[in-house]
Amino acid sequence: ASLTACAELRQFGSAAFKWSFQHGGPLLRLLFEGDFEAVLLSSPVLRLLDGDGEASESIEAYLEQRVLTYLADAPEDQTAVLSLAVSCLSLFVQSNWTGPAFVLRVSDLLPAGLLRHYSEVLYQAGDPSSTHTPRLLHQHCPSVTINLPWLCVRDLLTGGTHRKLAVLFHLECSYTCLTYYEYRNAKDHLQKARDLSGLEINMTGALGKRTRFQESCIAQLILSVKRKEDSPARLDGDLSPAPTPTELLPKLNDDTLLNQMTLAEPQEHQLPQLTAEEQALVLAVCTDFQKNNPLHKLNEEELLAFTTCLLSQPKFWAVEVTSLCLRTKLERSSSRRVERAMMQTQTLVDFFSEKTCPVQERLKIFYSCQAPPHWSIQRQLATLLTDLGLTSSALLIYERLELWEDAVVCLERIGQHGKAEEILRRELEKKATPSLYCLLGDVVKDPQYYDQAWELSGQRSARAQRSRALHHLRNKDFQQCVECFERSLRINAMQLGVWFSLGCAYFALENYDGAAKSFQRCVGLEPDNSEAWNNLSTAYIKLRKKEKAFHTLQEALKCNYERWQIWENFIAVCVDVGEFAEAIRAYHRLLDLKDKYQDVEVLEILVRAVVENLADRRGNHASNLRGKLQELFGHISARCSTDAKIWKQYACLYGNGYSDNKEDNAKALQFLSKAHRCETQTAGWEKEPHTFRTVLRGAMEMGTVSISCSRERSNPREALQLLSSARLSLKSVATKARVSTTPSSQ
């Protein structure tokens, strides 16, 4: 009987159990067919529940009394009790998880006297037969049913003939441990399930295509699932439920993305046809990985590999729905996939009310998959609709689910502030909660409601203090803002946005030490937050902690390599701390990000360091960077050739024409000539005294270097040509200067 109950609860459709249920009497036959309503309305069950109910102290007491009375009259017949418990649990699951919806009147099951006494409790419970009866049988009648689950479990764990049932038992234990955050125990049960199943589950790579229009194969992360040759779990295949026909399962269609990856060499990575418990095991491994790893892009790719594997073999409703829900959560952040995620979530929501797939098919291995409830899928759909900008459609779902806080957020987005306020005040009249008061404060922009939320929570609402702090922040009352933020964080320190806002408020107060501590907590909570790293470096710069600023900016660049503002801060800190090589690299990157970028001050420092052979932060000679700096100037001059200061620094790097190398002197003269040309092409240079003197000094320097270089030329014609060019440039400057100046100014 114990094994029969276990199998029925998990809907095993094997031939042996099918014969057992069909020949076990009318109640067992109805259970096998999934007609749980008929079980509750059958004569034996109605006799079990029948009575006046007037003298009962509670519903539990009444049901306990009826079960004991029934078994006392017919101790040999426990089928009705078992059928009642199984049917109530199955209807509860059908009503909240699997669908389709059913209509069952409480008055058809319980006596009128009980209904009169406990109408409010029954109304809140929704379906008392589905919630009270199973709990009663396991908690209030131990002498009747305590041996049932224990004998079943002992048989599964000690016997060697029902290994697949043992696998499912350990999976259910693992999910239960995860629910209570007992991760170590969950892993132990999961490992036992893997050992019993004989499956090897690993990540691997393969060439393949993900979209319908992809022409070439690229590397893809896939899941490798193999059976061990000596796997003992293959011996009891008769206990495994038969797959549900594909046409009865939710349809997966998309115009662009493939539901199943197309591999270049599918025969090398072919998956075995997984049984029900094997699919449930793969799903459990996926869930364990998700629970034990942080949110990260690489981890999301591994989770997608799990879902791709499971969805490539659509066999069981519970596995498919759970995998699809996980995939839609992972695809929310992808602009190319979010629409598919929304459409497939809508399909799952609609499938709940469809009657094409029988309930007994939906219940197969349901208890070993931890499928999301129907309302959770609806809420996920509303979230996706909100992400796509379909706020009104999301609002309808939130109102139907009576998720008033989410509904108010939607109303605020579409500008219906009056209706949002009306809903909040109506719900506050029913039951006042701190979150509702905070939302009302957000809607009407009145901080007094944050104070009411704070007092109602017994000064334990982090949300109330956060909302009040944001109110002060908008009003630029930074001191009050900081105090409220700190109170909120003392209650809940895991608020990333609050730490960031607190750091900004400290910046406004010029409290850079507080800002540094706040942004330190930010990067501790989210290590890839480039904005927080950048702000932390700014705080260190203000505190004159340049070394720490250098390291924090390095972390910021790891998180965001494309933001030029971070590179500008980085290059400034590099020259301050003597990281000349990093400064050169940063300048190259800035030229890639900003085509016309120039910072003459940084170039002057770098040229001086190389020319004077200064020591860098590590004690190395900067003259070793001469070649890299010359390469940088070549990169700059190709992008920006109109700045005289840059050409002069370029010439300085080659010795300004006074080096011992003739080629360097020739290049220096070339750069000085270009600098002179840029200066004289500036409109009105001769009218501004400071600019006028700068041009004259540059012209004289160019003339001096021209004479020096002409003497180094072995060919007289080349030397004459060099001097003639310099003379022409100087004559032009002298002529313009003579015309533009008065005798007194000269």
Foldseek 3Di string as FASTA:
>chain_A
DLQLLLLLLQLADFPVNQVCQVPVDDLSPCSNQVVLLVLLLDPLNLQLQDDAQQPDPDPLRSNLVSNVVSCVVPVVDCPSLSSLLSSLQLLVCLCWAFDDDDDDDPPSRHHPNNCVVCVVVCVVVVHCSNPNSNVSVVPVCCVNPVVSNVVNQVCQVPPLQPLLSLLLVLLLVLVVCVVVPVLVSSVVSLVSSCLLQQKDKDKDWFWWDFWPPDDGTDIAIAIAIDGDPPRSNVNNVSRFHFFDPPVLEQDQDDHITDLAIGTPCCVVRPDDQDTPSRLLSLLSVLVSLVSPDDDDPVNLSVSVNSLNVSSVRRTAHLSPQQSLVSVQVSCLVPPVCLVSNLVSLVSVLVSNNDPSHPSSRNSNSNSSRPHDISLVSLLSNLVSCVSVVVLVVSLVSCVVVVVLVSNLVSCVVVPVLVVNLVVLVVVVVVPNALVSLLSNCVSVVPLVSLVVNCVVVVNQDLSSLQSVLVSCVVVLVLVSNLVSLVSSCVNPVLDLVSLQVNLVSCVVVVVLVSNLVSLVSNCVNPVLPLVSLQSNLVSCVSVVNLVSSLVSLVSSCVNPVQDLVSLVVNLVSCLVQFVLVVNLVSLVSNCVNPVLDDDLVSLVSLLCQLVVQPAGNVRHTSVVCLVSSLVSLVSNCVRDQQALSSLQSNLVSLPCLPDPDLVSNVSSLVSLVSSLVSLVPDPPQLVDVVSLVVSVVSLVSSQVSLQVSLVVDPDVVVNVVSNVVSVVSVVVSVVVNVVNDDPVVD
